Amino acid sequence: MATLHEKLFSSLHSFELASSLGLKGFLIFISEMALSIVKGLLDQYIQSLVDEGILSYQFSQIHTSKTLERPDCVEQLINTYCNDVEAILLELTSNIDRPDVDFTQMAALARQVGERSAR
């Protein structure tokens, strides 16, 4: 991966080309260059948080999927999580009202909520 310095150098080298595009082309070029730099900084920051253990590797995978493959994947993951946990909580609620509560099953359901929340 190119360093920030290398990106700036290659961008400055392309500056002569951009200046021939006129004001609108120049502004688009500068905006794309700035966006590229900011994205690189964000990726480096996320990697440092993963390296420090603040974020899990799964976060990095989700972030990559969101940006490359499916921009709506985070929304889908959240909806799936909410639907799954809601179903488990409804089952827990209905089981707790029974006269013969199966606490082993209740503990298993509670673990499922914990496991889904830890992903």
PDB file of N, CA and C in Angstrom:
ATOM      1  N   MET A   1       0.849  -1.175   0.000  1.00  0.00           N
ATOM      2  CA  MET A   1       0.000   0.000   0.000  1.00  0.00           C
ATOM      3  C   MET A   1       0.893   1.235   0.000  1.00  0.00           C
ATOM      4  N   ALA A   2       0.528   2.199  -0.810  1.00  0.00           N
ATOM      5  CA  ALA A   2       1.308   3.420  -0.937  1.00  0.00           C
ATOM      6  C   ALA A   2       1.175   4.265   0.323  1.00  0.00           C
ATOM      7  N   THR A   3       2.283   4.881   0.698  1.00  0.00           N
ATOM      8  CA  THR A   3       2.246   5.755   1.861  1.00  0.00           C
ATOM      9  C   THR A   3       1.604   7.083   1.475  1.00  0.00           C
ATOM     10  N   LEU A   4       1.284   7.860   2.475  1.00  0.00           N
ATOM     11  CA  LEU A   4       0.686   9.168   2.247  1.00  0.00           C
ATOM     12  C   LEU A   4       1.622  10.042   1.416  1.00  0.00           C
ATOM     13  N   HIS A   5       2.909   9.985   1.717  1.00  0.00           N
ATOM     14  CA  HIS A   5       3.902  10.767   0.971  1.00  0.00           C
ATOM     15  C   HIS A   5       3.913  10.363  -0.502  1.00  0.00           C
ATOM     16  N   GLU A   6       3.882   9.059  -0.767  1.00  0.00           N
ATOM     17  CA  GLU A   6       3.876   8.575  -2.155  1.00  0.00           C
ATOM     18  C   GLU A   6       2.613   9.018  -2.897  1.00  0.00           C
ATOM     19  N   LYS A   7       1.463   8.970  -2.182  1.00  0.00           N
ATOM     20  CA  LYS A   7       0.220   9.408  -2.807  1.00  0.00           C
ATOM     21  C   LYS A   7       0.273  10.893  -3.151  1.00  0.00           C
ATOM     22  N   LEU A   8       0.804  11.690  -2.220  1.00  0.00           N
ATOM     23  CA  LEU A   8       0.909  13.126  -2.482  1.00  0.00           C
ATOM     24  C   LEU A   8       1.846  13.408  -3.648  1.00  0.00           C
ATOM     25  N   PHE A   9       2.982  12.708  -3.685  1.00  0.00           N
ATOM     26  CA  PHE A   9       3.938  12.908  -4.770  1.00  0.00           C
ATOM     27  C   PHE A   9       3.324  12.554  -6.117  1.00  0.00           C
ATOM     28  N   SER A  10       2.633  11.415  -6.182  1.00  0.00           N
ATOM     29  CA  SER A  10       2.011  11.026  -7.450  1.00  0.00           C
ATOM     30  C   SER A  10       0.881  11.986  -7.813  1.00  0.00           C
ATOM     31  N   SER A  11       0.189  12.488  -6.803  1.00  0.00           N
ATOM     32  CA  SER A  11      -0.877  13.454  -7.065  1.00  0.00           C
ATOM     33  C   SER A  11      -0.311  14.776  -7.567  1.00  0.00           C
ATOM     34  N   LEU A  12       0.787  15.212  -6.979  1.00  0.00           N
ATOM     35  CA  LEU A  12       1.413  16.457  -7.424  1.00  0.00           C
ATOM     36  C   LEU A  12       1.962  16.312  -8.841  1.00  0.00           C
ATOM     37  N   HIS A  13       2.456  15.125  -9.160  1.00  0.00           N
ATOM     38  CA  HIS A  13       2.936  14.862 -10.511  1.00  0.00           C
ATOM     39  C   HIS A  13       1.789  14.990 -11.508  1.00  0.00           C
ATOM     40  N   SER A  14       0.592  14.585 -11.094  1.00  0.00           N
ATOM     41  CA  SER A  14      -0.583  14.667 -11.956  1.00  0.00           C
ATOM     42  C   SER A  14      -1.205  16.062 -11.943  1.00  0.00           C
ATOM     43  N   PHE A  15      -0.694  16.937 -11.103  1.00  0.00           N
ATOM     44  CA  PHE A  15      -1.244  18.284 -10.976  1.00  0.00           C
ATOM     45  C   PHE A  15      -1.205  19.031 -12.302  1.00  0.00           C
ATOM     46  N   GLU A  16      -0.134  18.844 -13.070  1.00  0.00           N
ATOM     47  CA  GLU A  16      -0.012  19.519 -14.358  1.00  0.00           C
ATOM     48  C   GLU A  16      -1.145  19.098 -15.289  1.00  0.00           C
ATOM     49  N   LEU A  17      -1.499  17.812 -15.247  1.00  0.00           N
ATOM     50  CA  LEU A  17      -2.603  17.327 -16.073  1.00  0.00           C
ATOM     51  C   LEU A  17      -3.918  17.960 -15.637  1.00  0.00           C
ATOM     52  N   ALA A  18      -4.123  18.048 -14.330  1.00  0.00           N
ATOM     53  CA  ALA A  18      -5.372  18.585 -13.803  1.00  0.00           C
ATOM     54  C   ALA A  18      -5.542  20.059 -14.131  1.00  0.00           C
ATOM     55  N   SER A  19      -4.443  20.798 -14.157  1.00  0.00           N
ATOM     56  CA  SER A  19      -4.549  22.240 -14.424  1.00  0.00           C
ATOM     57  C   SER A  19      -5.035  22.523 -15.844  1.00  0.00           C
ATOM     58  N   SER A  20      -4.861  21.570 -16.735  1.00  0.00           N
ATOM     59  CA  SER A  20      -5.330  21.766 -18.106  1.00  0.00           C
ATOM     60  C   SER A  20      -6.826  21.476 -18.244  1.00  0.00           C
ATOM     61  N   LEU A  21      -7.474  21.018 -17.183  1.00  0.00           N
ATOM     62  CA  LEU A  21      -8.890  20.666 -17.237  1.00  0.00           C
ATOM     63  C   LEU A  21      -9.818  21.851 -17.000  1.00  0.00           C
ATOM     64  N   GLY A  22      -9.311  22.973 -16.629  1.00  0.00           N
ATOM     65  CA  GLY A  22     -10.143  24.115 -16.301  1.00  0.00           C
ATOM     66  C   GLY A  22     -10.503  24.085 -14.823  1.00  0.00           C
ATOM     67  N   LEU A  23     -11.231  25.088 -14.363  1.00  0.00           N
ATOM     68  CA  LEU A  23     -11.554  25.217 -12.942  1.00  0.00           C
ATOM     69  C   LEU A  23     -12.387  24.045 -12.429  1.00  0.00           C
ATOM     70  N   LYS A  24     -13.431  23.671 -13.168  1.00  0.00           N
ATOM     71  CA  LYS A  24     -14.296  22.579 -12.721  1.00  0.00           C
ATOM     72  C   LYS A  24     -13.519  21.263 -12.650  1.00  0.00           C
ATOM     73  N   GLY A  25     -12.751  20.983 -13.677  1.00  0.00           N
ATOM     74  CA  GLY A  25     -11.940  19.762 -13.684  1.00  0.00           C
ATOM     75  C   GLY A  25     -10.908  19.767 -12.576  1.00  0.00           C
ATOM     76  N   PHE A  26     -10.316  20.937 -12.352  1.00  0.00           N
ATOM     77  CA  PHE A  26      -9.324  21.077 -11.292  1.00  0.00           C
ATOM     78  C   PHE A  26      -9.949  20.811  -9.928  1.00  0.00           C
ATOM     79  N   LEU A  27     -11.145  21.361  -9.682  1.00  0.00           N
ATOM     80  CA  LEU A  27     -11.824  21.149  -8.396  1.00  0.00           C
ATOM     81  C   LEU A  27     -12.198  19.682  -8.199  1.00  0.00           C
ATOM     82  N   ILE A  28     -12.630  19.047  -9.265  1.00  0.00           N
ATOM     83  CA  ILE A  28     -12.945  17.612  -9.175  1.00  0.00           C
ATOM     84  C   ILE A  28     -11.683  16.820  -8.852  1.00  0.00           C
ATOM     85  N   PHE A  29     -10.584  17.163  -9.527  1.00  0.00           N
ATOM     86  CA  PHE A  29      -9.314  16.484  -9.280  1.00  0.00           C
ATOM     87  C   PHE A  29      -8.878  16.643  -7.828  1.00  0.00           C
ATOM     88  N   ILE A  30      -8.924  17.866  -7.315  1.00  0.00           N
ATOM     89  CA  ILE A  30      -8.519  18.133  -5.929  1.00  0.00           C
ATOM     90  C   ILE A  30      -9.425  17.390  -4.952  1.00  0.00           C
ATOM     91  N   SER A  31     -10.735  17.374  -5.231  1.00  0.00           N
ATOM     92  CA  SER A  31     -11.683  16.680  -4.354  1.00  0.00           C
ATOM     93  C   SER A  31     -11.397  15.185  -4.320  1.00  0.00           C
ATOM     94  N   GLU A  32     -11.127  14.611  -5.480  1.00  0.00           N
ATOM     95  CA  GLU A  32     -10.818  13.173  -5.538  1.00  0.00           C
ATOM     96  C   GLU A  32      -9.508  12.873  -4.830  1.00  0.00           C
ATOM     97  N   MET A  33      -8.536  13.746  -4.972  1.00  0.00           N
ATOM     98  CA  MET A  33      -7.254  13.559  -4.296  1.00  0.00           C
ATOM     99  C   MET A  33      -7.441  13.623  -2.779  1.00  0.00           C
ATOM    100  N   ALA A  34      -8.202  14.605  -2.305  1.00  0.00           N
ATOM    101  CA  ALA A  34      -8.450  14.737  -0.869  1.00  0.00           C
ATOM    102  C   ALA A  34      -9.223  13.536  -0.343  1.00  0.00           C
ATOM    103  N   LEU A  35     -10.213  13.076  -1.095  1.00  0.00           N
ATOM    104  CA  LEU A  35     -10.991  11.915  -0.686  1.00  0.00           C
ATOM    105  C   LEU A  35     -10.112  10.683  -0.583  1.00  0.00           C
ATOM    106  N   SER A  36      -9.230  10.498  -1.537  1.00  0.00           N
ATOM    107  CA  SER A  36      -8.312   9.364  -1.511  1.00  0.00           C
ATOM    108  C   SER A  36      -7.408   9.404  -0.278  1.00  0.00           C
ATOM    109  N   ILE A  37      -6.908  10.580   0.051  1.00  0.00           N
ATOM    110  CA  ILE A  37      -6.039  10.732   1.226  1.00  0.00           C
ATOM    111  C   ILE A  37      -6.812  10.445   2.508  1.00  0.00           C
ATOM    112  N   VAL A  38      -8.024  10.983   2.623  1.00  0.00           N
ATOM    113  CA  VAL A  38      -8.836  10.774   3.828  1.00  0.00           C
ATOM    114  C   VAL A  38      -9.191   9.291   3.979  1.00  0.00           C
ATOM    115  N   LYS A  39      -9.543   8.632   2.868  1.00  0.00           N
ATOM    116  CA  LYS A  39      -9.843   7.201   2.936  1.00  0.00           C
ATOM    117  C   LYS A  39      -8.626   6.406   3.408  1.00  0.00           C
ATOM    118  N   GLY A  40      -7.456   6.779   2.903  1.00  0.00           N
ATOM    119  CA  GLY A  40      -6.230   6.107   3.341  1.00  0.00           C
ATOM    120  C   GLY A  40      -5.978   6.304   4.823  1.00  0.00           C
ATOM    121  N   LEU A  41      -6.180   7.513   5.300  1.00  0.00           N
ATOM    122  CA  LEU A  41      -6.007   7.793   6.731  1.00  0.00           C
ATOM    123  C   LEU A  41      -7.006   7.015   7.576  1.00  0.00           C
ATOM    124  N   LEU A  42      -8.260   6.933   7.104  1.00  0.00           N
ATOM    125  CA  LEU A  42      -9.284   6.165   7.821  1.00  0.00           C
ATOM    126  C   LEU A  42      -8.894   4.691   7.893  1.00  0.00           C
ATOM    127  N   ASP A  43      -8.440   4.131   6.787  1.00  0.00           N
ATOM    128  CA  ASP A  43      -8.029   2.724   6.777  1.00  0.00           C
ATOM    129  C   ASP A  43      -6.874   2.484   7.747  1.00  0.00           C
ATOM    130  N   GLN A  44      -5.910   3.400   7.767  1.00  0.00           N
ATOM    131  CA  GLN A  44      -4.783   3.272   8.701  1.00  0.00           C
ATOM    132  C   GLN A  44      -5.249   3.363  10.150  1.00  0.00           C
ATOM    133  N   TYR A  45      -6.178   4.270  10.423  1.00  0.00           N
ATOM    134  CA  TYR A  45      -6.703   4.442  11.783  1.00  0.00           C
ATOM    135  C   TYR A  45      -7.463   3.190  12.229  1.00  0.00           C
ATOM    136  N   ILE A  46      -8.303   2.662  11.342  1.00  0.00           N
ATOM    137  CA  ILE A  46      -9.050   1.441  11.676  1.00  0.00           C
ATOM    138  C   ILE A  46      -8.080   0.305  11.938  1.00  0.00           C
ATOM    139  N   GLN A  47      -7.044   0.171  11.118  1.00  0.00           N
ATOM    140  CA  GLN A  47      -6.067  -0.900  11.319  1.00  0.00           C
ATOM    141  C   GLN A  47      -5.352  -0.734  12.652  1.00  0.00           C
ATOM    142  N   SER A  48      -5.050   0.502  13.034  1.00  0.00           N
ATOM    143  CA  SER A  48      -4.385   0.710  14.327  1.00  0.00           C
ATOM    144  C   SER A  48      -5.312   0.327  15.484  1.00  0.00           C
ATOM    145  N   LEU A  49      -6.612   0.593  15.341  1.00  0.00           N
ATOM    146  CA  LEU A  49      -7.570   0.198  16.378  1.00  0.00           C
ATOM    147  C   LEU A  49      -7.710  -1.322  16.445  1.00  0.00           C
ATOM    148  N   VAL A  50      -7.636  -1.992  15.314  1.00  0.00           N
ATOM    149  CA  VAL A  50      -7.658  -3.458  15.297  1.00  0.00           C
ATOM    150  C   VAL A  50      -6.391  -3.989  15.958  1.00  0.00           C
ATOM    151  N   ASP A  51      -5.244  -3.408  15.608  1.00  0.00           N
ATOM    152  CA  ASP A  51      -3.965  -3.837  16.192  1.00  0.00           C
ATOM    153  C   ASP A  51      -3.936  -3.667  17.707  1.00  0.00           C
ATOM    154  N   GLU A  52      -4.579  -2.614  18.208  1.00  0.00           N
ATOM    155  CA  GLU A  52      -4.612  -2.354  19.651  1.00  0.00           C
ATOM    156  C   GLU A  52      -5.666  -3.185  20.368  1.00  0.00           C
ATOM    157  N   GLY A  53      -6.505  -3.878  19.610  1.00  0.00           N
ATOM    158  CA  GLY A  53      -7.546  -4.699  20.216  1.00  0.00           C
ATOM    159  C   GLY A  53      -8.820  -3.941  20.550  1.00  0.00           C
ATOM    160  N   ILE A  54      -8.905  -2.699  20.133  1.00  0.00           N
ATOM    161  CA  ILE A  54     -10.104  -1.898  20.398  1.00  0.00           C
ATOM    162  C   ILE A  54     -11.233  -2.348  19.481  1.00  0.00           C
ATOM    163  N   LEU A  55     -10.903  -2.605  18.225  1.00  0.00           N
ATOM    164  CA  LEU A  55     -11.861  -3.159  17.268  1.00  0.00           C
ATOM    165  C   LEU A  55     -11.444  -4.581  16.940  1.00  0.00           C
ATOM    166  N   SER A  56     -12.427  -5.409  16.623  1.00  0.00           N
ATOM    167  CA  SER A  56     -12.105  -6.774  16.244  1.00  0.00           C
ATOM    168  C   SER A  56     -11.827  -6.840  14.748  1.00  0.00           C
ATOM    169  N   TYR A  57     -11.229  -7.938  14.341  1.00  0.00           N
ATOM    170  CA  TYR A  57     -10.959  -8.161  12.927  1.00  0.00           C
ATOM    171  C   TYR A  57     -12.270  -8.189  12.139  1.00  0.00           C
ATOM    172  N   GLN A  58     -13.347  -8.638  12.800  1.00  0.00           N
ATOM    173  CA  GLN A  58     -14.653  -8.693  12.139  1.00  0.00           C
ATOM    174  C   GLN A  58     -15.107  -7.302  11.714  1.00  0.00           C
ATOM    175  N   PHE A  59     -14.823  -6.293  12.523  1.00  0.00           N
ATOM    176  CA  PHE A  59     -15.183  -4.928  12.150  1.00  0.00           C
ATOM    177  C   PHE A  59     -14.508  -4.555  10.837  1.00  0.00           C
ATOM    178  N   SER A  60     -13.246  -4.883  10.733  1.00  0.00           N
ATOM    179  CA  SER A  60     -12.504  -4.574   9.516  1.00  0.00           C
ATOM    180  C   SER A  60     -13.120  -5.282   8.311  1.00  0.00           C
ATOM    181  N   GLN A  61     -13.537  -6.535   8.497  1.00  0.00           N
ATOM    182  CA  GLN A  61     -14.183  -7.277   7.412  1.00  0.00           C
ATOM    183  C   GLN A  61     -15.510  -6.629   7.025  1.00  0.00           C
ATOM    184  N   ILE A  62     -16.298  -6.231   8.015  1.00  0.00           N
ATOM    185  CA  ILE A  62     -17.586  -5.589   7.734  1.00  0.00           C
ATOM    186  C   ILE A  62     -17.364  -4.265   7.009  1.00  0.00           C
ATOM    187  N   HIS A  63     -16.389  -3.504   7.475  1.00  0.00           N
ATOM    188  CA  HIS A  63     -16.089  -2.213   6.844  1.00  0.00           C
ATOM    189  C   HIS A  63     -15.682  -2.412   5.382  1.00  0.00           C
ATOM    190  N   THR A  64     -14.856  -3.416   5.122  1.00  0.00           N
ATOM    191  CA  THR A  64     -14.425  -3.704   3.753  1.00  0.00           C
ATOM    192  C   THR A  64     -15.605  -4.134   2.900  1.00  0.00           C
ATOM    193  N   SER A  65     -16.477  -4.997   3.437  1.00  0.00           N
ATOM    194  CA  SER A  65     -17.655  -5.435   2.690  1.00  0.00           C
ATOM    195  C   SER A  65     -18.561  -4.254   2.383  1.00  0.00           C
ATOM    196  N   LYS A  66     -18.711  -3.395   3.364  1.00  0.00           N
ATOM    197  CA  LYS A  66     -19.589  -2.226   3.199  1.00  0.00           C
ATOM    198  C   LYS A  66     -19.099  -1.334   2.067  1.00  0.00           C
ATOM    199  N   THR A  67     -17.808  -1.145   1.996  1.00  0.00           N
ATOM    200  CA  THR A  67     -17.299  -0.210   1.012  1.00  0.00           C
ATOM    201  C   THR A  67     -17.091  -0.843  -0.356  1.00  0.00           C
ATOM    202  N   LEU A  68     -16.793  -2.128  -0.410  1.00  0.00           N
ATOM    203  CA  LEU A  68     -16.465  -2.738  -1.693  1.00  0.00           C
ATOM    204  C   LEU A  68     -17.617  -3.510  -2.320  1.00  0.00           C
ATOM    205  N   GLU A  69     -18.209  -4.403  -1.547  1.00  0.00           N
ATOM    206  CA  GLU A  69     -19.152  -5.346  -2.129  1.00  0.00           C
ATOM    207  C   GLU A  69     -20.606  -4.895  -2.027  1.00  0.00           C
ATOM    208  N   ARG A  70     -21.026  -4.635  -0.797  1.00  0.00           N
ATOM    209  CA  ARG A  70     -22.439  -4.313  -0.558  1.00  0.00           C
ATOM    210  C   ARG A  70     -22.518  -3.118   0.368  1.00  0.00           C
ATOM    211  N   PRO A  71     -22.826  -1.968  -0.166  1.00  0.00           N
ATOM    212  CA  PRO A  71     -22.873  -0.786   0.694  1.00  0.00           C
ATOM    213  C   PRO A  71     -23.948  -0.863   1.767  1.00  0.00           C
ATOM    214  N   ASP A  72     -24.954  -1.717   1.601  1.00  0.00           N
ATOM    215  CA  ASP A  72     -26.027  -1.824   2.592  1.00  0.00           C
ATOM    216  C   ASP A  72     -25.832  -2.984   3.557  1.00  0.00           C
ATOM    217  N   CYS A  73     -24.642  -3.605   3.571  1.00  0.00           N
ATOM    218  CA  CYS A  73     -24.453  -4.801   4.395  1.00  0.00           C
ATOM    219  C   CYS A  73     -24.552  -4.499   5.888  1.00  0.00           C
ATOM    220  N   VAL A  74     -24.113  -3.327   6.329  1.00  0.00           N
ATOM    221  CA  VAL A  74     -24.192  -2.995   7.755  1.00  0.00           C
ATOM    222  C   VAL A  74     -25.652  -2.883   8.177  1.00  0.00           C
ATOM    223  N   GLU A  75     -26.453  -2.242   7.355  1.00  0.00           N
ATOM    224  CA  GLU A  75     -27.881  -2.139   7.650  1.00  0.00           C
ATOM    225  C   GLU A  75     -28.519  -3.525   7.712  1.00  0.00           C
ATOM    226  N   GLN A  76     -28.163  -4.398   6.792  1.00  0.00           N
ATOM    227  CA  GLN A  76     -28.699  -5.765   6.795  1.00  0.00           C
ATOM    228  C   GLN A  76     -28.259  -6.529   8.036  1.00  0.00           C
ATOM    229  N   LEU A  77     -26.995  -6.367   8.434  1.00  0.00           N
ATOM    230  CA  LEU A  77     -26.504  -7.049   9.637  1.00  0.00           C
ATOM    231  C   LEU A  77     -27.257  -6.586  10.882  1.00  0.00           C
ATOM    232  N   ILE A  78     -27.494  -5.296  10.984  1.00  0.00           N
ATOM    233  CA  ILE A  78     -28.221  -4.762  12.138  1.00  0.00           C
ATOM    234  C   ILE A  78     -29.660  -5.271  12.151  1.00  0.00           C
ATOM    235  N   ASN A  79     -30.312  -5.257  10.995  1.00  0.00           N
ATOM    236  CA  ASN A  79     -31.693  -5.758  10.913  1.00  0.00           C
ATOM    237  C   ASN A  79     -31.768  -7.238  11.270  1.00  0.00           C
ATOM    238  N   THR A  80     -30.837  -8.022  10.766  1.00  0.00           N
ATOM    239  CA  THR A  80     -30.810  -9.456  11.091  1.00  0.00           C
ATOM    240  C   THR A  80     -30.604  -9.663  12.583  1.00  0.00           C
ATOM    241  N   TYR A  81     -29.663  -8.926  13.165  1.00  0.00           N
ATOM    242  CA  TYR A  81     -29.405  -9.028  14.601  1.00  0.00           C
ATOM    243  C   TYR A  81     -30.668  -8.692  15.399  1.00  0.00           C
ATOM    244  N   CYS A  82     -31.295  -7.577  15.070  1.00  0.00           N
ATOM    245  CA  CYS A  82     -32.497  -7.150  15.807  1.00  0.00           C
ATOM    246  C   CYS A  82     -33.621  -8.176  15.685  1.00  0.00           C
ATOM    247  N   ASN A  83     -33.831  -8.695  14.486  1.00  0.00           N
ATOM    248  CA  ASN A  83     -34.878  -9.694  14.283  1.00  0.00           C
ATOM    249  C   ASN A  83     -34.586 -10.979  15.057  1.00  0.00           C
ATOM    250  N   ASP A  84     -33.333 -11.436  15.006  1.00  0.00           N
ATOM    251  CA  ASP A  84     -32.958 -12.661  15.729  1.00  0.00           C
ATOM    252  C   ASP A  84     -33.124 -12.504  17.235  1.00  0.00           C
ATOM    253  N   VAL A  85     -32.625 -11.401  17.770  1.00  0.00           N
ATOM    254  CA  VAL A  85     -32.702 -11.176  19.218  1.00  0.00           C
ATOM    255  C   VAL A  85     -34.151 -10.977  19.650  1.00  0.00           C
ATOM    256  N   GLU A  86     -34.929 -10.285  18.847  1.00  0.00           N
ATOM    257  CA  GLU A  86     -36.339 -10.101  19.179  1.00  0.00           C
ATOM    258  C   GLU A  86     -37.061 -11.451  19.255  1.00  0.00           C
ATOM    259  N   ALA A  87     -36.776 -12.334  18.317  1.00  0.00           N
ATOM    260  CA  ALA A  87     -37.403 -13.663  18.329  1.00  0.00           C
ATOM    261  C   ALA A  87     -37.002 -14.449  19.575  1.00  0.00           C
ATOM    262  N   ILE A  88     -35.734 -14.366  19.943  1.00  0.00           N
ATOM    263  CA  ILE A  88     -35.259 -15.074  21.143  1.00  0.00           C
ATOM    264  C   ILE A  88     -35.909 -14.487  22.389  1.00  0.00           C
ATOM    265  N   LEU A  89     -35.999 -13.168  22.469  1.00  0.00           N
ATOM    266  CA  LEU A  89     -36.617 -12.532  23.635  1.00  0.00           C
ATOM    267  C   LEU A  89     -38.103 -12.876  23.745  1.00  0.00           C
ATOM    268  N   LEU A  90     -38.795 -12.963  22.616  1.00  0.00           N
ATOM    269  CA  LEU A  90     -40.202 -13.385  22.642  1.00  0.00           C
ATOM    270  C   LEU A  90     -40.334 -14.813  23.158  1.00  0.00           C
ATOM    271  N   GLU A  91     -39.417 -15.675  22.732  1.00  0.00           N
ATOM    272  CA  GLU A  91     -39.440 -17.058  23.215  1.00  0.00           C
ATOM    273  C   GLU A  91     -39.136 -17.110  24.706  1.00  0.00           C
ATOM    274  N   LEU A  92     -38.178 -16.325  25.161  1.00  0.00           N
ATOM    275  CA  LEU A  92     -37.880 -16.262  26.597  1.00  0.00           C
ATOM    276  C   LEU A  92     -39.102 -15.787  27.386  1.00  0.00           C
ATOM    277  N   THR A  93     -39.760 -14.749  26.878  1.00  0.00           N
ATOM    278  CA  THR A  93     -40.933 -14.189  27.553  1.00  0.00           C
ATOM    279  C   THR A  93     -42.060 -15.208  27.641  1.00  0.00           C
ATOM    280  N   SER A  94     -42.297 -15.912  26.550  1.00  0.00           N
ATOM    281  CA  SER A  94     -43.391 -16.903  26.567  1.00  0.00           C
ATOM    282  C   SER A  94     -43.051 -18.093  27.460  1.00  0.00           C
ATOM    283  N   ASN A  95     -41.770 -18.465  27.537  1.00  0.00           N
ATOM    284  CA  ASN A  95     -41.376 -19.606  28.372  1.00  0.00           C
ATOM    285  C   ASN A  95     -41.409 -19.283  29.866  1.00  0.00           C
ATOM    286  N   ILE A  96     -41.124 -18.054  30.224  1.00  0.00           N
ATOM    287  CA  ILE A  96     -41.060 -17.685  31.642  1.00  0.00           C
ATOM    288  C   ILE A  96     -42.443 -17.724  32.288  1.00  0.00           C
ATOM    289  N   ASP A  97     -43.500 -17.562  31.488  1.00  0.00           N
ATOM    290  CA  ASP A  97     -44.867 -17.574  32.008  1.00  0.00           C
ATOM    291  C   ASP A  97     -45.432 -18.982  32.180  1.00  0.00           C
ATOM    292  N   ARG A  98     -44.717 -19.992  31.755  1.00  0.00           N
ATOM    293  CA  ARG A  98     -45.197 -21.373  31.894  1.00  0.00           C
ATOM    294  C   ARG A  98     -45.003 -21.852  33.331  1.00  0.00           C
ATOM    295  N   PRO A  99     -45.893 -22.717  33.769  1.00  0.00           N
ATOM    296  CA  PRO A  99     -45.742 -23.246  35.133  1.00  0.00           C
ATOM    297  C   PRO A  99     -44.539 -24.181  35.271  1.00  0.00           C
ATOM    298  N   ASP A 100     -44.161 -24.845  34.202  1.00  0.00           N
ATOM    299  CA  ASP A 100     -43.030 -25.777  34.249  1.00  0.00           C
ATOM    300  C   ASP A 100     -41.873 -25.235  33.399  1.00  0.00           C
ATOM    301  N   VAL A 101     -41.233 -24.187  33.888  1.00  0.00           N
ATOM    302  CA  VAL A 101     -40.167 -23.509  33.150  1.00  0.00           C
ATOM    303  C   VAL A 101     -38.962 -24.443  33.025  1.00  0.00           C
ATOM    304  N   ASP A 102     -38.479 -24.573  31.809  1.00  0.00           N
ATOM    305  CA  ASP A 102     -37.262 -25.350  31.545  1.00  0.00           C
ATOM    306  C   ASP A 102     -36.084 -24.372  31.592  1.00  0.00           C
ATOM    307  N   PHE A 103     -35.429 -24.323  32.748  1.00  0.00           N
ATOM    308  CA  PHE A 103     -34.361 -23.345  32.940  1.00  0.00           C
ATOM    309  C   PHE A 103     -33.136 -23.643  32.082  1.00  0.00           C
ATOM    310  N   THR A 104     -32.959 -24.894  31.699  1.00  0.00           N
ATOM    311  CA  THR A 104     -31.855 -25.233  30.800  1.00  0.00           C
ATOM    312  C   THR A 104     -32.082 -24.578  29.443  1.00  0.00           C
ATOM    313  N   GLN A 105     -33.315 -24.653  28.961  1.00  0.00           N
ATOM    314  CA  GLN A 105     -33.650 -24.026  27.685  1.00  0.00           C
ATOM    315  C   GLN A 105     -33.551 -22.508  27.810  1.00  0.00           C
ATOM    316  N   MET A 106     -33.993 -21.958  28.919  1.00  0.00           N
ATOM    317  CA  MET A 106     -33.921 -20.511  29.128  1.00  0.00           C
ATOM    318  C   MET A 106     -32.460 -20.039  29.118  1.00  0.00           C
ATOM    319  N   ALA A 107     -31.583 -20.804  29.769  1.00  0.00           N
ATOM    320  CA  ALA A 107     -30.162 -20.450  29.797  1.00  0.00           C
ATOM    321  C   ALA A 107     -29.563 -20.520  28.393  1.00  0.00           C
ATOM    322  N   ALA A 108     -29.976 -21.528  27.621  1.00  0.00           N
ATOM    323  CA  ALA A 108     -29.474 -21.661  26.245  1.00  0.00           C
ATOM    324  C   ALA A 108     -29.921 -20.472  25.391  1.00  0.00           C
ATOM    325  N   LEU A 109     -31.171 -20.060  25.562  1.00  0.00           N
ATOM    326  CA  LEU A 109     -31.673 -18.902  24.814  1.00  0.00           C
ATOM    327  C   LEU A 109     -30.933 -17.622  25.218  1.00  0.00           C
ATOM    328  N   ALA A 110     -30.697 -17.478  26.509  1.00  0.00           N
ATOM    329  CA  ALA A 110     -29.964 -16.298  26.988  1.00  0.00           C
ATOM    330  C   ALA A 110     -28.541 -16.286  26.427  1.00  0.00           C
ATOM    331  N   ARG A 111     -27.913 -17.465  26.347  1.00  0.00           N
ATOM    332  CA  ARG A 111     -26.571 -17.547  25.754  1.00  0.00           C
ATOM    333  C   ARG A 111     -26.594 -17.138  24.278  1.00  0.00           C
ATOM    334  N   GLN A 112     -27.683 -17.512  23.578  1.00  0.00           N
ATOM    335  CA  GLN A 112     -27.782 -17.147  22.162  1.00  0.00           C
ATOM    336  C   GLN A 112     -27.785 -15.620  21.984  1.00  0.00           C
ATOM    337  N   VAL A 113     -28.506 -14.938  22.883  1.00  0.00           N
ATOM    338  CA  VAL A 113     -28.512 -13.467  22.813  1.00  0.00           C
ATOM    339  C   VAL A 113     -27.092 -12.940  23.034  1.00  0.00           C
ATOM    340  N   GLY A 114     -26.414 -13.500  24.029  1.00  0.00           N
ATOM    341  CA  GLY A 114     -25.029 -13.078  24.304  1.00  0.00           C
ATOM    342  C   GLY A 114     -24.101 -13.350  23.146  1.00  0.00           C
ATOM    343  N   GLU A 115     -24.237 -14.518  22.539  1.00  0.00           N
ATOM    344  CA  GLU A 115     -23.373 -14.858  21.398  1.00  0.00           C
ATOM    345  C   GLU A 115     -23.622 -13.936  20.214  1.00  0.00           C
ATOM    346  N   ARG A 116     -24.859 -13.647  19.942  1.00  0.00           N
ATOM    347  CA  ARG A 116     -25.168 -12.756  18.819  1.00  0.00           C
ATOM    348  C   ARG A 116     -24.694 -11.332  19.103  1.00  0.00           C
ATOM    349  N   SER A 117     -24.701 -10.943  20.357  1.00  0.00           N
ATOM    350  CA  SER A 117     -24.269  -9.602  20.713  1.00  0.00           C
ATOM    351  C   SER A 117     -22.745  -9.466  20.684  1.00  0.00           C
ATOM    352  N   ALA A 118     -22.040 -10.582  20.829  1.00  0.00           N
ATOM    353  CA  ALA A 118     -20.581 -10.541  20.872  1.00  0.00           C
ATOM    354  C   ALA A 118     -19.956 -10.591  19.483  1.00  0.00           C
ATOM    355  N   ARG A 119     -20.725 -10.879  18.469  1.00  0.00           N
ATOM    356  CA  ARG A 119     -20.156 -10.994  17.115  1.00  0.00           C
ATOM    357  C   ARG A 119     -19.713  -9.678  16.586  1.00  0.00           C
TER     358      ARG A 119
END
